[in-house]
Protein backbone atom coordinates (compact mmCIF):
# COMPACT_ATOMS: atom_id res chain seq x y z
CA MET A 1 34.91 -15.35 23.86
CA THR A 2 34.31 -13.25 26.98
CA THR A 3 31.01 -11.69 28.00
CA ASP A 4 32.33 -8.21 27.17
CA GLU A 5 33.41 -9.35 23.70
CA ILE A 6 30.00 -10.88 23.05
CA ALA A 7 28.28 -7.68 24.22
CA SER A 8 30.58 -5.60 22.02
CA ARG A 9 29.87 -7.79 18.99
CA ASN A 10 26.12 -7.60 19.60
CA SER A 11 26.37 -3.84 19.96
CA ARG A 12 28.14 -3.54 16.61
CA ARG A 13 25.55 -5.78 14.97
CA ASN A 14 22.78 -3.73 16.55
CA GLN A 15 24.28 -0.51 15.21
CA GLN A 16 24.87 -1.96 11.74
CA LEU A 17 21.35 -3.35 11.54
CA GLY A 18 19.88 -0.05 12.68
CA GLN A 19 21.90 1.85 10.08
CA GLN A 20 20.86 -0.65 7.42
CA ALA A 21 17.21 -0.21 8.39
CA VAL A 22 17.47 3.58 8.21
CA ARG A 23 19.29 3.46 4.86
CA GLY A 24 16.69 1.04 3.56
CA ALA A 25 13.81 3.19 4.78
CA SER A 26 15.46 6.29 3.34
CA ALA A 27 16.03 4.75 -0.08
CA THR A 28 12.55 3.30 -0.08
CA ILE A 29 10.86 6.55 0.89
CA ALA A 30 12.91 8.54 -1.63
CA GLY A 31 12.00 6.13 -4.42
CA GLN A 32 8.37 5.96 -3.43
CA LEU A 33 8.07 9.74 -3.21
CA VAL A 34 9.19 9.87 -6.85
CA ARG A 35 6.67 7.16 -7.68
CA LEU A 36 4.00 9.04 -5.76
CA VAL A 37 4.59 12.13 -7.88
CA VAL A 38 4.41 10.02 -11.04
CA LEU A 39 1.17 8.36 -9.99
CA LEU A 40 -0.37 11.67 -8.95
CA ALA A 41 0.56 13.07 -12.35
CA SER A 42 -0.95 9.97 -13.94
CA THR A 43 -4.17 10.42 -11.97
CA VAL A 44 -4.46 14.08 -12.93
CA ILE A 45 -3.57 13.71 -16.62
CA LEU A 46 -5.72 10.66 -17.26
CA ALA A 47 -8.69 12.12 -15.35
CA ARG A 48 -8.65 15.01 -17.82
CA LEU A 49 -8.61 12.60 -20.79
CA LEU A 50 -11.06 9.90 -19.70
CA SER A 51 -14.56 9.71 -18.26
CA PRO A 52 -15.53 8.34 -14.82
CA ALA A 53 -17.15 5.38 -16.63
CA ASP A 54 -13.79 4.45 -18.22
CA PHE A 55 -12.15 4.38 -14.78
CA GLY A 56 -15.09 2.45 -13.36
CA LEU A 57 -14.85 -0.30 -15.97
CA VAL A 58 -11.14 -0.83 -15.39
CA ALA A 59 -11.63 -0.61 -11.59
CA ILE A 60 -14.01 -3.59 -11.73
CA VAL A 61 -11.44 -5.69 -13.58
CA MET A 62 -8.54 -4.55 -11.40
CA SER A 63 -10.46 -5.73 -8.33
CA LEU A 64 -10.72 -9.16 -9.94
CA VAL A 65 -7.07 -9.06 -11.00
CA ALA A 66 -6.12 -8.35 -7.37
CA LEU A 67 -7.87 -11.59 -6.39
CA GLY A 68 -5.89 -13.49 -8.99
CA GLU A 69 -2.67 -11.90 -7.76
CA LEU A 70 -3.31 -13.32 -4.29
CA PHE A 71 -3.39 -16.86 -5.67
CA ARG A 72 -0.47 -16.17 -7.99
CA ASP A 73 1.75 -14.93 -5.16
CA PHE A 74 0.38 -17.27 -2.46
CA GLY A 75 2.33 -15.34 0.17
CA LEU A 76 5.60 -16.68 -1.23
CA SER A 77 7.17 -13.30 -1.98
CA MET A 78 6.97 -12.25 1.68
CA ALA A 79 8.02 -15.72 2.82
CA ALA A 80 11.13 -15.60 0.62
CA ALA A 81 11.97 -12.00 1.57
CA ARG A 82 11.92 -12.65 5.32
CA THR A 83 13.92 -15.90 5.16
CA ALA A 84 17.59 -14.93 5.10
CA ARG A 85 19.01 -18.39 4.33
CA LEU A 86 17.00 -19.76 1.44
CA THR A 87 19.10 -21.95 -0.85
CA HIS A 88 19.28 -21.44 -4.58
CA ARG A 89 17.24 -24.59 -5.17
CA GLN A 90 14.55 -23.47 -2.74
CA MET A 91 14.18 -20.11 -4.47
CA SER A 92 14.15 -21.87 -7.83
CA ASN A 93 11.25 -24.04 -6.71
CA LEU A 94 9.39 -20.96 -5.52
CA PHE A 95 10.09 -19.27 -8.86
CA TRP A 96 8.51 -22.12 -10.80
CA ILE A 97 5.48 -22.21 -8.52
CA ASN A 98 4.82 -18.48 -9.01
CA THR A 99 5.45 -18.67 -12.76
CA VAL A 100 3.10 -21.63 -13.31
CA PHE A 101 0.41 -19.99 -11.18
CA GLY A 102 0.75 -16.84 -13.29
CA LEU A 103 0.29 -18.77 -16.53
CA LEU A 104 -2.71 -20.69 -15.19
CA LEU A 105 -4.38 -17.50 -13.98
CA ALA A 106 -3.87 -15.83 -17.36
CA VAL A 107 -5.66 -18.74 -19.04
CA ALA A 108 -8.43 -18.69 -16.41
CA ALA A 109 -8.95 -14.96 -16.91
CA TYR A 110 -9.27 -15.44 -20.67
CA LEU A 111 -11.87 -18.17 -20.22
CA LEU A 112 -13.87 -16.18 -17.66
CA SER A 113 -13.83 -12.88 -19.57
CA GLY A 114 -17.23 -13.51 -21.17
CA PRO A 115 -19.06 -14.55 -17.99
CA ILE A 116 -17.62 -11.56 -16.12
CA ALA A 117 -18.96 -9.19 -18.78
CA LEU A 118 -22.39 -10.84 -18.53
CA LEU A 119 -22.39 -10.68 -14.72
CA PHE A 120 -21.89 -6.91 -14.67
CA SER A 121 -23.92 -6.30 -17.87
CA GLN A 122 -20.94 -4.45 -19.37
CA PRO A 123 -19.76 -5.94 -22.72
CA GLU A 124 -16.56 -3.87 -22.64
CA LEU A 125 -15.33 -5.88 -19.65
CA LYS A 126 -14.55 -8.90 -21.84
CA ASN A 127 -11.76 -7.16 -23.76
CA ILE A 128 -10.44 -5.47 -20.61
CA VAL A 129 -10.16 -8.81 -18.79
CA ILE A 130 -8.38 -10.42 -21.74
CA GLY A 131 -5.95 -7.50 -22.03
CA LEU A 132 -5.10 -7.45 -18.32
CA SER A 133 -4.75 -11.24 -18.10
CA PHE A 134 -1.17 -10.87 -19.35
CA THR A 135 -0.23 -9.06 -16.13
CA PHE A 136 -0.42 -12.41 -14.32
CA VAL A 137 2.35 -13.75 -16.55
CA PHE A 138 4.60 -10.75 -15.95
CA SER A 139 4.10 -10.67 -12.17
CA GLY A 140 4.38 -14.43 -11.79
CA PHE A 141 7.73 -14.54 -13.57
CA SER A 142 9.18 -11.60 -11.62
CA THR A 143 8.00 -12.43 -8.07
CA GLN A 144 11.08 -14.26 -6.83
CA PHE A 145 13.46 -11.85 -8.56
CA ARG A 146 11.88 -9.06 -6.52
CA ALA A 147 11.98 -11.22 -3.41
CA ARG A 148 15.70 -11.86 -3.98
CA ILE A 149 16.40 -8.12 -4.08
CA ASN A 150 14.35 -7.66 -0.91
CA GLN A 151 15.94 -10.62 0.87
CA LYS A 152 19.43 -9.21 0.31
CA LEU A 153 18.27 -5.83 1.67
CA ARG A 154 19.20 -4.08 -1.60
CA PHE A 155 16.62 -1.37 -1.08
CA LYS A 156 17.99 1.10 -3.63
CA ARG A 157 17.55 -1.50 -6.36
CA LEU A 158 14.10 -2.31 -5.04
CA ALA A 159 13.20 1.39 -5.17
CA ILE A 160 14.20 1.45 -8.85
CA VAL A 161 12.08 -1.63 -9.58
CA ASP A 162 9.10 0.04 -7.89
CA THR A 163 9.55 3.51 -9.37
CA ALA A 164 10.66 3.21 -13.00
CA PRO A 165 7.71 1.05 -14.17
CA ALA A 166 5.22 3.67 -12.97
CA LEU A 167 6.92 6.36 -15.05
CA ALA A 168 7.06 4.05 -18.08
CA GLY A 169 3.38 3.19 -17.64
CA LEU A 170 2.37 6.85 -17.60
CA MET A 171 4.40 7.55 -20.73
CA GLY A 172 2.88 4.54 -22.49
CA ALA A 173 -0.64 5.65 -21.57
CA ILE A 174 -0.05 9.20 -22.83
CA VAL A 175 1.42 7.96 -26.11
CA TYR A 176 -1.54 5.64 -26.66
CA ALA A 177 -4.00 8.46 -25.87
CA LEU A 178 -2.28 10.72 -28.41
CA LEU A 179 -2.22 8.08 -31.14
CA PHE A 180 -5.71 6.66 -30.65
CA THR A 181 -9.11 7.71 -29.29
CA PRO A 182 -8.80 8.05 -25.49
CA ASP A 183 -10.91 5.39 -23.77
CA TYR A 184 -10.48 2.60 -21.23
CA TRP A 185 -7.70 1.04 -23.34
CA VAL A 186 -5.43 3.85 -22.14
CA LEU A 187 -5.61 2.40 -18.64
CA VAL A 188 -5.12 -1.17 -19.89
CA VAL A 189 -2.00 -0.16 -21.82
CA GLN A 190 -0.68 1.61 -18.72
CA GLN A 191 -0.95 -1.57 -16.63
CA LEU A 192 0.67 -3.73 -19.30
CA VAL A 193 3.65 -1.40 -19.66
CA VAL A 194 4.08 -1.32 -15.87
CA GLY A 195 4.09 -5.13 -15.80
CA VAL A 196 6.62 -5.58 -18.59
CA VAL A 197 9.07 -2.92 -17.38
CA GLY A 198 8.81 -4.10 -13.77
CA MET A 199 9.57 -7.67 -14.81
CA LEU A 200 12.61 -6.71 -16.89
CA LEU A 201 14.07 -4.50 -14.16
CA ALA A 202 13.56 -7.13 -11.45
CA VAL A 203 15.41 -9.71 -13.53
CA ALA A 204 18.23 -7.32 -14.43
CA LEU A 205 18.84 -6.02 -10.87
CA SER A 206 18.40 -9.19 -8.82
CA GLY A 207 21.78 -10.73 -9.67
CA TRP A 208 20.12 -14.13 -9.61
CA TRP A 209 18.78 -16.68 -12.06
CA PRO A 210 16.66 -19.73 -11.19
CA GLY A 211 17.57 -23.32 -11.85
CA TRP A 212 15.30 -26.20 -12.73
CA PRO A 213 12.79 -27.34 -10.08
CA SER A 214 14.02 -30.00 -7.66
CA ARG A 215 11.87 -32.60 -5.91
CA ARG A 216 14.62 -33.28 -3.39
CA THR A 217 14.59 -29.73 -2.07
CA SER A 218 12.00 -29.09 0.64
CA ILE A 219 10.16 -25.77 0.81
CA ARG A 220 7.56 -26.94 3.32
CA ASP A 221 8.41 -24.29 5.92
CA VAL A 222 8.26 -21.53 3.34
CA LEU A 223 4.93 -22.79 2.01
CA SER A 224 3.56 -22.99 5.56
CA PHE A 225 4.50 -19.38 6.23
CA GLY A 226 3.19 -18.31 2.83
CA LEU A 227 -0.11 -20.06 3.48
CA GLY A 228 -0.62 -17.97 6.61
CA VAL A 229 0.17 -14.77 4.71
CA PHE A 230 -2.11 -15.85 1.86
CA GLY A 231 -5.00 -16.51 4.23
CA SER A 232 -4.71 -13.07 5.81
CA GLN A 233 -4.34 -11.36 2.45
CA ALA A 234 -7.32 -13.26 1.03
CA VAL A 235 -9.56 -12.04 3.82
CA ALA A 236 -8.15 -8.53 3.46
CA TYR A 237 -8.83 -8.70 -0.28
CA VAL A 238 -12.55 -9.04 0.33
CA THR A 239 -12.47 -5.98 2.57
CA LYS A 240 -10.48 -3.90 0.08
CA ASN A 241 -12.55 -4.82 -2.98
CA VAL A 242 -16.09 -5.46 -1.82
CA ASP A 243 -16.82 -1.74 -2.11
CA ASN A 244 -15.62 -1.53 -5.73
CA LEU A 245 -17.40 -4.67 -6.87
CA SER A 246 -20.63 -3.79 -5.03
CA LEU A 247 -20.73 -0.22 -6.32
CA GLY A 248 -19.94 -1.42 -9.84
CA TYR A 249 -22.74 -4.00 -9.70
CA PHE A 250 -25.48 -1.92 -8.01
CA TRP A 251 -24.62 1.66 -9.02
CA GLY A 252 -22.74 1.24 -12.32
CA PRO A 253 -19.33 2.28 -13.71
CA SER A 254 -19.89 6.06 -13.49
CA VAL A 255 -20.50 6.08 -9.72
CA LEU A 256 -17.69 3.59 -9.22
CA GLY A 257 -15.41 5.78 -11.37
CA VAL A 258 -15.81 8.76 -9.01
CA TYR A 259 -15.44 6.58 -5.92
CA GLY A 260 -12.50 4.77 -7.49
CA ARG A 261 -10.61 8.00 -8.14
CA ALA A 262 -11.10 9.05 -4.52
CA TYR A 263 -10.09 5.60 -3.29
CA GLN A 264 -7.01 5.63 -5.50
CA LEU A 265 -5.94 8.89 -3.90
CA LEU A 266 -6.50 7.28 -0.51
CA MET A 267 -4.34 4.31 -1.46
CA LEU A 268 -1.48 6.28 -3.02
CA PRO A 269 0.24 7.08 0.30
CA LEU A 270 -0.47 3.59 1.62
CA SER A 271 0.79 1.77 -1.44
CA GLN A 272 3.73 4.08 -2.14
CA LEU A 273 4.95 4.53 1.45
CA ALA A 274 3.44 1.99 3.83
CA ALA A 275 3.75 -1.08 1.62
CA PRO A 276 7.41 -0.45 0.61
CA LEU A 277 8.30 0.36 4.23
CA THR A 278 6.92 -3.06 5.11
CA ARG A 279 9.52 -4.62 2.82
CA VAL A 280 12.19 -2.74 4.78
CA ALA A 281 10.76 -3.23 8.25
CA VAL A 282 9.86 -6.93 8.23
CA PRO A 283 13.33 -8.36 7.39
CA VAL A 284 14.93 -6.04 9.96
CA LEU A 285 12.35 -6.69 12.71
CA THR A 286 12.58 -10.43 12.07
CA ARG A 287 16.30 -10.32 12.92
CA VAL A 288 15.65 -8.66 16.30
CA ALA A 289 12.35 -10.38 17.14
CA ASN A 290 13.89 -12.14 20.15
CA ASP A 291 15.42 -8.94 21.57
CA ARG A 292 12.48 -7.24 23.28
CA VAL A 293 14.18 -3.88 23.85
CA ARG A 294 15.51 -3.47 20.32
CA PHE A 295 12.28 -4.79 18.81
CA ASN A 296 10.12 -2.27 20.69
CA ARG A 297 12.48 0.60 19.86
CA PHE A 298 12.41 -0.21 16.15
CA LEU A 299 8.61 -0.42 16.28
CA LEU A 300 8.27 3.05 17.78
CA GLU A 301 10.71 4.52 15.27
CA GLY A 302 8.86 2.83 12.43
CA GLN A 303 5.55 4.20 13.67
CA LEU A 304 6.91 7.75 13.72
CA VAL A 305 8.27 7.48 10.18
CA GLY A 306 5.33 5.59 8.69
CA GLY A 307 2.08 5.76 10.63
CA VAL A 308 2.27 9.32 11.91
CA GLY A 309 3.56 10.64 8.60
CA LEU A 310 0.67 8.98 6.76
CA GLY A 311 -1.80 10.46 9.24
CA ILE A 312 -0.54 13.97 8.52
CA ILE A 313 -0.88 13.38 4.76
CA TYR A 314 -4.48 12.25 5.19
CA GLY A 315 -5.24 15.17 7.47
CA ILE A 316 -4.08 17.57 4.76
CA ALA A 317 -6.10 15.70 2.11
CA CYS A 318 -9.25 15.79 4.22
CA GLY A 319 -8.96 19.46 5.15
CA LEU A 320 -8.08 20.74 1.67
CA ALA A 321 -10.15 18.30 -0.39
CA PHE A 322 -12.32 21.00 -2.00
CA PRO A 323 -9.59 23.20 -3.51
CA LEU A 324 -7.39 20.20 -4.34
CA VAL A 325 -10.08 18.35 -6.30
CA PHE A 326 -11.21 21.51 -8.09
CA LEU A 327 -7.70 22.51 -9.14
CA VAL A 328 -6.37 19.05 -9.93
CA PHE A 329 -9.33 17.23 -11.50
CA GLY A 330 -11.65 20.02 -12.59
CA GLU A 331 -15.25 20.95 -11.94
CA ASN A 332 -16.64 17.70 -13.38
CA TRP A 333 -15.11 15.73 -10.51
CA MET A 334 -16.37 17.81 -7.57
CA GLY A 335 -18.60 14.95 -6.45
CA MET A 336 -15.38 13.33 -5.26
CA VAL A 337 -14.85 15.88 -2.45
CA PRO A 338 -17.04 14.45 0.36
CA ILE A 339 -16.06 10.90 -0.64
CA LEU A 340 -12.35 11.73 -0.40
CA GLN A 341 -12.84 13.42 2.96
CA ALA A 342 -14.70 10.43 4.37
CA LEU A 343 -12.10 7.97 3.08
CA ALA A 344 -9.19 10.06 4.39
CA VAL A 345 -10.42 9.63 7.96
CA GLY A 346 -10.13 5.87 7.58
CA GLY A 347 -6.73 6.32 5.95
CA VAL A 348 -5.39 7.72 9.23
CA PHE A 349 -6.25 4.50 11.06
CA ARG A 350 -5.05 2.29 8.20
CA GLY A 351 -1.69 4.03 8.32
CA LEU A 352 -1.38 3.55 12.07
CA ASN A 353 -2.39 -0.09 11.77
CA GLN A 354 0.57 -0.99 9.53
CA ILE A 355 2.65 -1.52 12.65
CA THR A 356 0.63 -4.56 13.78
CA PHE A 357 1.03 -6.11 10.34
CA TRP A 358 4.79 -5.83 10.74
CA ILE A 359 4.65 -7.45 14.18
CA PHE A 360 2.62 -10.45 13.00
CA LEU A 361 5.07 -11.13 10.17
CA ALA A 362 8.26 -10.51 12.16
CA LYS A 363 7.09 -12.74 15.02
CA ASP A 364 6.09 -15.52 12.60
CA LYS A 365 2.46 -15.30 13.73
CA THR A 366 0.77 -15.37 10.34
CA GLY A 367 -1.69 -17.99 11.56
CA ALA A 368 -2.76 -15.73 14.42
CA GLN A 369 -3.01 -12.84 11.97
CA PHE A 370 -5.27 -14.91 9.75
CA ARG A 371 -7.57 -15.70 12.67
CA PHE A 372 -7.65 -12.02 13.58
CA PHE A 373 -8.59 -11.12 10.01
CA LEU A 374 -11.43 -13.63 10.11
CA VAL A 375 -12.88 -11.64 13.02
CA SER A 376 -11.98 -8.04 12.14
CA GLN A 377 -12.46 -7.85 8.38
CA PRO A 378 -16.16 -8.84 8.40
CA ILE A 379 -16.73 -5.89 10.74
CA ILE A 380 -15.27 -3.51 8.14
CA ILE A 381 -17.26 -5.17 5.35
CA ALA A 382 -20.48 -4.87 7.33
CA PHE A 383 -19.98 -1.13 7.84
CA MET A 384 -19.19 -0.56 4.15
CA LEU A 385 -22.14 -2.59 2.88
CA GLY A 386 -24.34 -0.86 5.45
CA GLY A 387 -23.62 2.40 3.64
CA MET A 388 -24.44 0.97 0.19
CA PRO A 389 -28.01 2.42 0.04
CA TRP A 390 -26.45 5.91 0.19
CA GLY A 391 -24.10 5.23 -2.69
CA ALA A 392 -20.41 6.04 -2.75
CA LEU A 393 -20.49 8.47 0.19
CA GLY A 394 -22.25 5.95 2.42
CA VAL A 395 -19.68 3.29 1.57
CA ALA A 396 -16.82 5.74 2.27
CA ILE A 397 -18.22 6.62 5.71
CA GLY A 398 -18.69 2.95 6.53
CA HIS A 399 -15.09 2.33 5.43
CA SER A 400 -13.68 4.79 7.92
CA ILE A 401 -15.85 3.65 10.84
CA GLY A 402 -14.85 0.06 10.18
CA TYR A 403 -11.13 0.80 10.03
CA PHE A 404 -11.29 2.76 13.29
CA PHE A 405 -12.62 -0.29 15.11
CA ASN A 406 -10.13 -2.48 13.25
CA TRP A 407 -7.22 -0.38 14.57
CA ILE A 408 -8.38 -0.66 18.18
CA ILE A 409 -9.05 -4.39 17.99
CA SER A 410 -5.78 -5.13 16.19
CA LEU A 411 -3.65 -3.49 18.88
CA TRP A 412 -5.27 -5.63 21.56
CA TRP A 413 -5.19 -8.84 19.54
CA CYS A 414 -1.62 -8.42 18.28
CA GLY A 415 -0.27 -7.58 21.73
CA ARG A 416 -1.97 -10.63 23.22
CA VAL A 417 -0.74 -13.22 20.69
CA THR A 418 2.77 -11.85 20.08
CA ASP A 419 3.65 -10.75 23.63
CA THR A 420 4.45 -7.23 22.40
CA GLU A 421 3.94 -4.08 24.46
CA MET A 422 1.23 -2.15 22.58
CA GLY A 423 0.57 0.66 25.08
CA PRO A 424 3.26 3.01 23.68
CA LEU A 425 1.99 2.40 20.13
CA LEU A 426 -1.58 3.24 21.15
CA ARG A 427 -0.47 6.40 22.98
CA ASN A 428 1.62 7.54 20.02
CA GLY A 429 -1.33 6.93 17.70
CA LEU A 430 -3.70 8.97 19.85
CA LYS A 431 -1.11 11.74 20.16
CA SER A 432 -0.64 11.87 16.40
CA ILE A 433 -4.41 12.20 15.87
CA SER A 434 -5.00 14.84 18.54
CA ILE A 435 -1.82 16.90 18.10
CA CYS A 436 -1.05 16.52 14.39
CA VAL A 437 -3.93 15.22 12.29
CA ALA A 438 -7.06 16.83 13.79
CA PRO A 439 -5.72 20.42 13.99
CA ILE A 440 -4.43 20.55 10.42
CA THR A 441 -7.69 18.99 9.17
CA VAL A 442 -9.73 21.69 10.92
CA ILE A 443 -7.48 24.42 9.52
CA GLY A 444 -7.99 23.11 5.99
CA ILE A 445 -11.76 22.78 6.35
CA LEU A 446 -12.11 26.30 7.76
CA SER A 447 -10.04 27.84 4.96
CA SER A 448 -12.16 26.02 2.35
CA ALA A 449 -15.44 26.97 4.04
CA PHE A 450 -14.82 30.73 4.32
CA ILE A 451 -12.77 31.41 1.17
CA GLN A 452 -14.43 30.89 -2.22
CA SER A 453 -11.33 31.10 -4.41
CA PRO A 454 -9.75 27.59 -4.60
CA TRP A 455 -6.23 28.98 -5.05
CA LEU A 456 -6.60 31.39 -2.12
CA ALA A 457 -8.21 28.73 0.07
CA LEU A 458 -5.35 26.36 -0.68
CA THR A 459 -2.73 29.03 0.02
CA VAL A 460 -4.32 30.14 3.30
CA GLY A 461 -4.83 26.54 4.39
CA VAL A 462 -1.22 25.56 3.72
CA LEU A 463 0.13 28.65 5.47
CA GLY A 464 -2.14 28.00 8.45
CA MET A 465 -0.90 24.42 8.67
CA ILE A 466 2.73 25.54 8.50
CA LEU A 467 2.11 28.08 11.26
CA TYR A 468 0.43 25.49 13.45
CA GLY A 469 3.21 22.99 12.78
CA SER A 470 5.83 25.54 13.86
CA LEU A 471 3.98 26.30 17.10
CA ALA A 472 3.37 22.61 17.78
CA TYR A 473 7.08 21.91 17.28
CA LEU A 474 7.90 24.38 20.04
CA VAL A 475 5.19 23.18 22.42
CA PHE A 476 4.94 19.39 22.01
CA PRO A 477 7.91 17.00 22.46
CA PHE A 478 6.01 14.42 20.39
CA VAL A 479 6.04 16.70 17.34
CA ARG A 480 9.76 17.26 17.78
CA ALA A 481 10.30 13.48 17.86
CA VAL A 482 8.34 13.07 14.61
CA ALA A 483 10.33 15.89 12.99
CA GLN A 484 13.62 14.39 14.16
CA SER A 485 12.73 11.01 12.63
CA GLY A 486 11.76 12.71 9.38
CA ARG A 487 15.04 14.66 9.25
CA MET A 488 17.05 11.52 9.90
CA VAL A 489 15.37 9.66 7.05
CA ALA A 490 15.75 12.63 4.69
CA ARG A 491 19.43 13.00 5.60
CA LYS A 492 20.08 9.32 4.91
CA ALA A 493 18.15 9.52 1.64
CA ARG A 494 20.54 12.16 0.30
CA ARG A 495 23.61 9.95 0.85
């Protein structure tokens, strides 16, 4: 084969991979936008039915469930998704590992339900822990089915698996609330329905079924990669949950309930957009990791679609927090406003920082990522715990300060250990903050400060943001690049 033929073949592969990445991102974003609407509706409806204490009780248990999920997954879902040539026997072995871990964790949760209730001095926690222990069984069984869908880049199917369970969970929670007295069991039922429906859909859409475990089939490389992912996720777990557990222990379920609602709103864009985009980006970036030009181009495009878009969402949430909370949750939840604003600032930096997570995984540097987490995450924890004497607002402010420093450090660390050019990513991040996020935040805050009517403040704020966005589109090439990436994804999503 001649040099020209090789170049032509590589060009076709490059184009096909790029189109596949865009289609995957489009399908993922479309599905997650639907899921975002469902979860927002769930948040609004259930906040009107339940008390902050109900949310606080379940938030304590969900933080503990998240720890169990780390051990149950052990990084194997990401390891399987990024490895294009896993054999059937290898995936079967991984399936049995995840399934057994899920069963063991369910038993452990049942046995620890009493001590957990005593630790937090909340008797209701025992029944909540027992009820949610079944989610380990559902997620453990379905892990490798989901990974199979991801590995084959079947992103439309993956979007269905991510979206439909959320809708089913909301319906199940509403039905339970109508049939019985609304309390924390509404939230437990919601999680159980999500787990069952997600498991059934993953099995039905994967086109795969595991065999019996095989001792002769080695999965050492997969386990090694998974161990690195697990280590990083375990450290990140402490950062993401130390606020919930500390507030629940020192300030009680009611304070945690208000903080938890604000934090859930913070996490909705991250979990519904950033996390699914990771499942699209990592397999694609892994395939071009050795091609510096293509790798850097895909990174910049991914940052425009993901990081900058998330920053704009958080800017809107911060600026219009007062009218949004009043209209959506009601007057009883107004204490959430300053907490949501403080958390949204950190959300901007968390959105921008997704790109370094992709690089670590695509470059097979999970060990380096783990070492970075050992340094950076304690900084975030220290800032959050430093705000504990001031309650939920102090913790929220510490959260955002910590994640700002984490973003700066991660760019330097990731660029050093992966030999990736980080300057363009830093410049794009700073541009997005100064040109997009900060102005729309200020517009929202000013409209809320000078207009008493929540509906009028919201209307004026949105119109002001649209006007600014139109002017910025004409003036700044960066804004036009962001808009072009958004249009491309939207156009692909409609196909």
